[in-house]
């Protein structure tokens, strides 16, 4: 964990984190424990008669792994999590509001370049929520 996040993580959740997979991209999602508990409650409250919802529950909750940040800001990631995200030596940590994303550096660069190209060329239409956002 970068130094600038360590104190915040310690203050927010005493270093207790949950790591799970992103079901849309080959990266990992890292949540402070209190935030994950809220999300897990919402996921578990979903009706599981819908096959797609059930599959989402199985993947997100099934891969969820509790981990503690050590005094050097490191996290121990299980082999299935590392394999899912294709993590090797070089990684990229991306802040996303209340969570962090952990990517294999090469995979991140490829996806980032694709997204930048799509945005530059006017690819997909913006969702209505973004159409009114002024940056």
N, C-alpha and C. Protein backbone atom coordinates (compact mmCIF):
# COMPACT_ATOMS: atom_id res chain seq x y z
N UNK A 1 0.84 -1.17 0.00
CA UNK A 1 0.00 0.00 0.00
C UNK A 1 0.89 1.24 0.00
N UNK A 2 0.58 2.20 -0.84
CA UNK A 2 1.36 3.44 -0.81
C UNK A 2 1.25 4.10 0.57
N UNK A 3 2.31 4.76 0.96
CA UNK A 3 2.37 5.39 2.28
C UNK A 3 1.19 6.32 2.52
N UNK A 4 0.79 7.08 1.51
CA UNK A 4 -0.29 8.06 1.72
C UNK A 4 -1.63 7.42 2.07
N UNK A 5 -1.83 6.14 1.75
CA UNK A 5 -3.07 5.45 2.07
C UNK A 5 -3.02 4.71 3.41
N UNK A 6 -1.84 4.40 3.88
CA UNK A 6 -1.71 3.55 5.07
C UNK A 6 -2.41 4.12 6.29
N UNK A 7 -2.15 5.37 6.60
CA UNK A 7 -2.78 5.97 7.79
C UNK A 7 -4.29 6.00 7.66
N UNK A 8 -4.78 6.30 6.47
CA UNK A 8 -6.23 6.32 6.25
C UNK A 8 -6.83 4.93 6.47
N UNK A 9 -6.14 3.92 5.96
CA UNK A 9 -6.64 2.55 6.12
C UNK A 9 -6.60 2.13 7.58
N UNK A 10 -5.53 2.47 8.26
CA UNK A 10 -5.44 2.13 9.68
C UNK A 10 -6.52 2.85 10.48
N UNK A 11 -6.76 4.10 10.15
CA UNK A 11 -7.79 4.88 10.85
C UNK A 11 -9.18 4.36 10.55
N UNK A 12 -9.44 4.03 9.29
CA UNK A 12 -10.78 3.61 8.84
C UNK A 12 -11.16 2.21 9.31
N UNK A 13 -10.18 1.29 9.25
CA UNK A 13 -10.55 -0.11 9.52
C UNK A 13 -9.47 -0.89 10.23
N UNK A 14 -8.53 -0.19 10.86
CA UNK A 14 -7.46 -0.84 11.61
C UNK A 14 -6.67 -1.82 10.74
N UNK A 15 -6.58 -1.51 9.43
CA UNK A 15 -5.80 -2.35 8.51
C UNK A 15 -6.52 -3.59 8.03
N UNK A 16 -7.78 -3.77 8.43
CA UNK A 16 -8.55 -4.95 8.01
C UNK A 16 -9.23 -4.66 6.68
N UNK A 17 -8.90 -5.47 5.67
CA UNK A 17 -9.38 -5.26 4.31
C UNK A 17 -9.99 -6.54 3.76
N UNK A 18 -10.78 -6.39 2.72
CA UNK A 18 -11.32 -7.54 1.99
C UNK A 18 -10.92 -7.36 0.53
N UNK A 19 -10.39 -8.41 -0.05
CA UNK A 19 -10.00 -8.42 -1.45
C UNK A 19 -10.89 -9.42 -2.18
N UNK A 20 -11.44 -8.99 -3.30
CA UNK A 20 -12.26 -9.88 -4.12
C UNK A 20 -12.00 -9.54 -5.59
N UNK A 21 -12.68 -10.24 -6.48
CA UNK A 21 -12.46 -10.02 -7.91
C UNK A 21 -13.44 -9.00 -8.45
N UNK A 22 -13.06 -8.37 -9.55
CA UNK A 22 -13.97 -7.54 -10.32
C UNK A 22 -14.57 -8.48 -11.36
N UNK A 23 -15.87 -8.50 -11.47
CA UNK A 23 -16.50 -9.44 -12.40
C UNK A 23 -16.51 -8.93 -13.84
N UNK A 24 -16.13 -7.66 -14.06
CA UNK A 24 -16.09 -7.12 -15.42
C UNK A 24 -14.68 -7.07 -15.99
N UNK A 25 -13.69 -6.95 -15.15
CA UNK A 25 -12.30 -6.81 -15.58
C UNK A 25 -11.43 -7.77 -14.78
N UNK A 26 -10.27 -8.08 -15.30
CA UNK A 26 -9.33 -8.97 -14.61
C UNK A 26 -8.47 -8.16 -13.64
N UNK A 27 -9.12 -7.68 -12.59
CA UNK A 27 -8.40 -6.96 -11.55
C UNK A 27 -9.03 -7.33 -10.22
N UNK A 28 -8.40 -6.90 -9.13
CA UNK A 28 -8.91 -7.16 -7.80
C UNK A 28 -9.47 -5.88 -7.19
N UNK A 29 -10.49 -6.03 -6.37
CA UNK A 29 -11.09 -4.92 -5.65
C UNK A 29 -10.71 -5.05 -4.18
N UNK A 30 -10.28 -3.95 -3.59
CA UNK A 30 -9.84 -3.95 -2.20
C UNK A 30 -10.73 -2.96 -1.43
N UNK A 31 -11.43 -3.49 -0.44
CA UNK A 31 -12.36 -2.69 0.36
C UNK A 31 -11.93 -2.66 1.82
N UNK A 32 -12.10 -1.52 2.50
CA UNK A 32 -11.99 -1.54 3.96
C UNK A 32 -13.11 -2.43 4.50
N UNK A 33 -12.85 -3.15 5.57
CA UNK A 33 -13.82 -4.10 6.10
C UNK A 33 -15.22 -3.49 6.31
N UNK A 34 -15.36 -2.30 6.92
CA UNK A 34 -16.72 -1.78 7.12
C UNK A 34 -17.48 -1.56 5.81
N UNK A 35 -16.80 -1.10 4.78
CA UNK A 35 -17.45 -0.89 3.49
C UNK A 35 -17.83 -2.22 2.85
N UNK A 36 -16.95 -3.21 2.96
CA UNK A 36 -17.25 -4.52 2.40
C UNK A 36 -18.47 -5.14 3.09
N UNK A 37 -18.58 -4.99 4.40
CA UNK A 37 -19.71 -5.58 5.12
C UNK A 37 -21.04 -5.04 4.60
N UNK A 38 -21.09 -3.75 4.27
CA UNK A 38 -22.30 -3.17 3.68
C UNK A 38 -22.58 -3.76 2.30
N UNK A 39 -21.56 -3.85 1.49
CA UNK A 39 -21.71 -4.39 0.14
C UNK A 39 -22.12 -5.86 0.19
N UNK A 40 -21.47 -6.62 1.06
CA UNK A 40 -21.80 -8.04 1.18
C UNK A 40 -23.25 -8.22 1.60
N UNK A 41 -23.73 -7.37 2.49
CA UNK A 41 -25.14 -7.44 2.89
C UNK A 41 -26.07 -7.19 1.73
N UNK A 42 -25.73 -6.22 0.88
CA UNK A 42 -26.54 -5.94 -0.30
C UNK A 42 -26.51 -7.09 -1.29
N UNK A 43 -25.34 -7.67 -1.47
CA UNK A 43 -25.20 -8.80 -2.40
C UNK A 43 -26.01 -9.99 -1.90
N UNK A 44 -25.88 -10.28 -0.62
CA UNK A 44 -26.59 -11.43 -0.06
C UNK A 44 -28.09 -11.22 -0.02
N UNK A 45 -28.54 -9.96 -0.03
CA UNK A 45 -29.97 -9.67 0.00
C UNK A 45 -30.61 -9.80 -1.38
N UNK A 46 -29.79 -9.90 -2.42
CA UNK A 46 -30.33 -10.04 -3.77
C UNK A 46 -31.04 -11.39 -3.90
N UNK A 47 -32.15 -11.38 -4.63
CA UNK A 47 -32.85 -12.63 -4.88
C UNK A 47 -31.94 -13.54 -5.70
N UNK A 48 -31.74 -14.76 -5.21
CA UNK A 48 -30.81 -15.65 -5.92
C UNK A 48 -31.53 -16.61 -6.86
N UNK A 49 -32.76 -16.30 -7.23
CA UNK A 49 -33.45 -17.14 -8.21
C UNK A 49 -33.04 -16.76 -9.64
N UNK A 50 -32.54 -15.54 -9.80
CA UNK A 50 -32.05 -15.12 -11.10
C UNK A 50 -30.65 -15.71 -11.28
N UNK A 51 -30.44 -16.51 -12.33
CA UNK A 51 -29.13 -17.16 -12.52
C UNK A 51 -27.96 -16.18 -12.61
N UNK A 52 -28.16 -15.03 -13.26
CA UNK A 52 -27.08 -14.04 -13.37
C UNK A 52 -26.75 -13.43 -12.01
N UNK A 53 -27.77 -13.14 -11.22
CA UNK A 53 -27.55 -12.59 -9.88
C UNK A 53 -26.84 -13.62 -9.01
N UNK A 54 -27.25 -14.86 -9.10
CA UNK A 54 -26.63 -15.94 -8.31
C UNK A 54 -25.17 -16.11 -8.69
N UNK A 55 -24.88 -16.06 -9.98
CA UNK A 55 -23.50 -16.18 -10.45
C UNK A 55 -22.65 -15.02 -9.90
N UNK A 56 -23.22 -13.81 -9.94
CA UNK A 56 -22.53 -12.64 -9.40
C UNK A 56 -22.25 -12.83 -7.91
N UNK A 57 -23.23 -13.31 -7.15
CA UNK A 57 -23.05 -13.57 -5.73
C UNK A 57 -21.92 -14.58 -5.50
N UNK A 58 -21.96 -15.66 -6.25
CA UNK A 58 -20.95 -16.71 -6.09
C UNK A 58 -19.54 -16.17 -6.32
N UNK A 59 -19.38 -15.39 -7.37
CA UNK A 59 -18.05 -14.91 -7.71
C UNK A 59 -17.56 -13.85 -6.72
N UNK A 60 -18.36 -12.82 -6.49
CA UNK A 60 -17.92 -11.73 -5.64
C UNK A 60 -17.72 -12.15 -4.19
N UNK A 61 -18.70 -12.85 -3.64
CA UNK A 61 -18.59 -13.29 -2.25
C UNK A 61 -17.67 -14.50 -2.14
N UNK A 62 -17.71 -15.35 -3.13
CA UNK A 62 -16.89 -16.55 -3.09
C UNK A 62 -15.39 -16.27 -3.10
N UNK A 63 -14.99 -15.26 -3.83
CA UNK A 63 -13.58 -14.89 -3.88
C UNK A 63 -13.16 -13.95 -2.75
N UNK A 64 -14.13 -13.37 -2.05
CA UNK A 64 -13.82 -12.39 -1.00
C UNK A 64 -12.93 -13.02 0.07
N UNK A 65 -11.82 -12.35 0.32
CA UNK A 65 -10.82 -12.85 1.25
C UNK A 65 -10.43 -11.73 2.21
N UNK A 66 -10.58 -11.99 3.50
CA UNK A 66 -10.16 -11.02 4.51
C UNK A 66 -8.64 -11.06 4.64
N UNK A 67 -8.05 -9.89 4.75
CA UNK A 67 -6.61 -9.79 4.92
C UNK A 67 -6.29 -8.58 5.76
N UNK A 68 -5.19 -8.63 6.45
CA UNK A 68 -4.75 -7.51 7.27
C UNK A 68 -3.51 -6.90 6.65
N UNK A 69 -3.48 -5.58 6.60
CA UNK A 69 -2.30 -4.88 6.12
C UNK A 69 -1.24 -4.97 7.21
N UNK A 70 -0.02 -5.37 6.85
CA UNK A 70 1.03 -5.46 7.86
C UNK A 70 1.64 -4.08 8.12
N UNK A 71 2.59 -4.00 9.03
CA UNK A 71 3.17 -2.71 9.41
C UNK A 71 3.94 -2.04 8.27
N UNK A 72 4.29 -2.79 7.25
CA UNK A 72 4.96 -2.22 6.07
C UNK A 72 3.98 -1.90 4.94
N UNK A 73 2.67 -2.05 5.22
CA UNK A 73 1.66 -1.74 4.22
C UNK A 73 1.44 -2.82 3.19
N UNK A 74 1.88 -4.03 3.48
CA UNK A 74 1.73 -5.13 2.52
C UNK A 74 0.47 -5.94 2.81
N UNK A 75 -0.07 -6.55 1.75
CA UNK A 75 -1.21 -7.45 1.85
C UNK A 75 -0.80 -8.81 1.34
N UNK A 76 -1.27 -9.84 1.98
CA UNK A 76 -1.05 -11.20 1.52
C UNK A 76 -2.23 -11.60 0.64
N UNK A 77 -1.96 -11.86 -0.63
CA UNK A 77 -3.02 -12.24 -1.57
C UNK A 77 -2.94 -13.74 -1.84
N UNK A 78 -4.10 -14.38 -1.84
CA UNK A 78 -4.15 -15.82 -2.10
C UNK A 78 -3.81 -16.10 -3.56
N UNK A 79 -3.39 -17.32 -3.81
CA UNK A 79 -3.06 -17.74 -5.18
C UNK A 79 -4.24 -17.58 -6.13
N UNK A 80 -5.47 -17.99 -5.76
CA UNK A 80 -6.59 -17.80 -6.70
C UNK A 80 -6.82 -16.33 -7.07
N UNK A 81 -6.65 -15.42 -6.12
CA UNK A 81 -6.82 -14.00 -6.43
C UNK A 81 -5.73 -13.52 -7.38
N UNK A 82 -4.50 -13.89 -7.09
CA UNK A 82 -3.38 -13.49 -7.96
C UNK A 82 -3.55 -14.05 -9.37
N UNK A 83 -3.97 -15.30 -9.45
CA UNK A 83 -4.16 -15.93 -10.76
C UNK A 83 -5.29 -15.26 -11.54
N UNK A 84 -6.39 -14.96 -10.88
CA UNK A 84 -7.53 -14.33 -11.55
C UNK A 84 -7.11 -13.01 -12.21
N UNK A 85 -6.36 -12.19 -11.47
CA UNK A 85 -5.96 -10.88 -11.98
C UNK A 85 -4.68 -10.94 -12.80
N UNK A 86 -4.07 -12.11 -12.90
CA UNK A 86 -2.83 -12.24 -13.66
C UNK A 86 -1.69 -11.45 -13.06
N UNK A 87 -1.68 -11.34 -11.74
CA UNK A 87 -0.66 -10.54 -11.07
C UNK A 87 0.67 -11.28 -11.08
N UNK A 88 1.69 -10.55 -11.49
CA UNK A 88 3.02 -11.11 -11.49
C UNK A 88 3.88 -10.23 -10.61
N UNK A 89 4.83 -9.56 -11.15
CA UNK A 89 5.72 -8.72 -10.35
C UNK A 89 5.27 -7.27 -10.29
N UNK A 90 4.91 -6.70 -11.42
CA UNK A 90 4.58 -5.28 -11.47
C UNK A 90 3.08 -5.09 -11.46
N UNK A 91 2.61 -4.27 -10.52
CA UNK A 91 1.18 -4.03 -10.37
C UNK A 91 0.91 -2.53 -10.34
N UNK A 92 -0.36 -2.19 -10.50
CA UNK A 92 -0.82 -0.81 -10.44
C UNK A 92 -2.00 -0.78 -9.48
N UNK A 93 -1.96 0.17 -8.54
CA UNK A 93 -3.04 0.35 -7.58
C UNK A 93 -3.78 1.62 -7.94
N UNK A 94 -5.08 1.51 -8.18
CA UNK A 94 -5.89 2.63 -8.63
C UNK A 94 -6.93 2.95 -7.56
N UNK A 95 -6.96 4.19 -7.10
CA UNK A 95 -7.98 4.62 -6.15
C UNK A 95 -9.30 4.82 -6.85
N UNK A 96 -10.37 4.29 -6.27
CA UNK A 96 -11.71 4.39 -6.85
C UNK A 96 -12.72 4.75 -5.77
N UNK A 97 -12.51 5.88 -5.12
CA UNK A 97 -13.44 6.30 -4.08
C UNK A 97 -13.27 5.46 -2.82
N UNK A 98 -14.26 4.64 -2.51
CA UNK A 98 -14.23 3.84 -1.28
C UNK A 98 -13.52 2.51 -1.44
N UNK A 99 -12.97 2.28 -2.61
CA UNK A 99 -12.24 1.03 -2.83
C UNK A 99 -11.00 1.31 -3.66
N UNK A 100 -10.16 0.30 -3.73
CA UNK A 100 -8.97 0.36 -4.57
C UNK A 100 -9.05 -0.78 -5.58
N UNK A 101 -8.45 -0.59 -6.75
CA UNK A 101 -8.33 -1.66 -7.73
C UNK A 101 -6.86 -2.01 -7.86
N UNK A 102 -6.57 -3.29 -7.90
CA UNK A 102 -5.20 -3.77 -8.09
C UNK A 102 -5.13 -4.50 -9.42
N UNK A 103 -4.27 -4.00 -10.31
CA UNK A 103 -4.14 -4.52 -11.67
C UNK A 103 -2.73 -5.01 -11.93
N UNK A 104 -2.60 -5.99 -12.79
CA UNK A 104 -1.32 -6.31 -13.40
C UNK A 104 -0.97 -5.11 -14.27
N UNK A 105 0.28 -4.63 -14.18
CA UNK A 105 0.66 -3.40 -14.88
C UNK A 105 0.43 -3.48 -16.39
N UNK A 106 0.82 -4.57 -17.00
CA UNK A 106 0.65 -4.70 -18.45
C UNK A 106 -0.83 -4.70 -18.84
N UNK A 107 -1.64 -5.44 -18.10
CA UNK A 107 -3.07 -5.48 -18.37
C UNK A 107 -3.69 -4.08 -18.18
N UNK A 108 -3.29 -3.37 -17.10
CA UNK A 108 -3.79 -2.02 -16.87
C UNK A 108 -3.45 -1.11 -18.05
N UNK A 109 -2.21 -1.15 -18.51
CA UNK A 109 -1.79 -0.28 -19.61
C UNK A 109 -2.60 -0.53 -20.88
N UNK A 110 -2.86 -1.80 -21.16
CA UNK A 110 -3.65 -2.16 -22.35
C UNK A 110 -5.07 -1.63 -22.22
N UNK A 111 -5.71 -1.89 -21.07
CA UNK A 111 -7.10 -1.45 -20.86
C UNK A 111 -7.20 0.07 -20.84
N UNK A 112 -6.26 0.73 -20.14
CA UNK A 112 -6.25 2.19 -20.07
C UNK A 112 -6.14 2.79 -21.46
N UNK A 113 -5.22 2.27 -22.26
CA UNK A 113 -5.05 2.79 -23.62
C UNK A 113 -6.31 2.59 -24.46
N UNK A 114 -6.96 1.46 -24.30
CA UNK A 114 -8.21 1.20 -25.02
C UNK A 114 -9.29 2.20 -24.60
N UNK A 115 -9.43 2.41 -23.29
CA UNK A 115 -10.44 3.36 -22.79
C UNK A 115 -10.14 4.78 -23.25
N UNK A 116 -8.86 5.16 -23.23
CA UNK A 116 -8.50 6.50 -23.69
C UNK A 116 -8.81 6.66 -25.17
N UNK A 117 -8.52 5.65 -25.95
CA UNK A 117 -8.81 5.68 -27.39
C UNK A 117 -10.32 5.81 -27.62
N UNK A 118 -11.11 5.02 -26.91
CA UNK A 118 -12.57 5.08 -27.06
C UNK A 118 -13.09 6.46 -26.67
N UNK A 119 -12.55 7.01 -25.60
CA UNK A 119 -13.00 8.33 -25.14
C UNK A 119 -12.60 9.41 -26.13
N UNK A 120 -11.38 9.33 -26.64
CA UNK A 120 -10.88 10.33 -27.58
C UNK A 120 -11.65 10.29 -28.89
N UNK A 121 -11.99 9.11 -29.33
CA UNK A 121 -12.69 8.98 -30.61
C UNK A 121 -14.21 9.10 -30.47
N UNK A 122 -14.67 9.38 -29.26
CA UNK A 122 -16.11 9.53 -29.06
C UNK A 122 -16.84 8.21 -29.11
N UNK A 123 -16.17 7.12 -28.70
CA UNK A 123 -16.73 5.77 -28.72
C UNK A 123 -18.15 5.67 -28.20
N UNK A 124 -18.32 5.08 -27.05
CA UNK A 124 -19.64 4.84 -26.50
C UNK A 124 -20.29 6.14 -26.05
N UNK A 125 -21.63 6.15 -26.09
CA UNK A 125 -22.35 7.30 -25.56
C UNK A 125 -22.20 7.32 -24.04
N UNK A 126 -22.11 8.52 -23.49
CA UNK A 126 -21.99 8.67 -22.05
C UNK A 126 -23.32 8.35 -21.39
N UNK A 127 -23.26 7.72 -20.22
CA UNK A 127 -24.50 7.53 -19.46
C UNK A 127 -25.07 8.88 -19.08
N UNK A 128 -26.38 8.97 -18.90
CA UNK A 128 -27.01 10.27 -18.57
C UNK A 128 -26.38 10.94 -17.34
N UNK A 129 -25.93 10.15 -16.37
CA UNK A 129 -25.34 10.70 -15.15
C UNK A 129 -24.07 11.49 -15.46
N UNK A 130 -23.32 11.07 -16.49
CA UNK A 130 -22.07 11.74 -16.84
C UNK A 130 -22.27 12.90 -17.81
N UNK A 131 -23.38 12.91 -18.50
CA UNK A 131 -23.61 13.94 -19.51
C UNK A 131 -23.67 15.33 -18.88
N UNK A 132 -24.09 15.42 -17.64
CA UNK A 132 -24.23 16.73 -16.98
C UNK A 132 -23.04 17.07 -16.09
N UNK A 133 -22.06 16.18 -16.01
CA UNK A 133 -20.90 16.40 -15.18
C UNK A 133 -19.95 17.39 -15.84
N UNK A 134 -19.58 18.41 -15.08
CA UNK A 134 -18.67 19.42 -15.59
C UNK A 134 -17.31 19.21 -14.91
N UNK A 135 -16.28 18.96 -15.71
CA UNK A 135 -14.95 18.73 -15.17
C UNK A 135 -14.05 19.94 -15.35
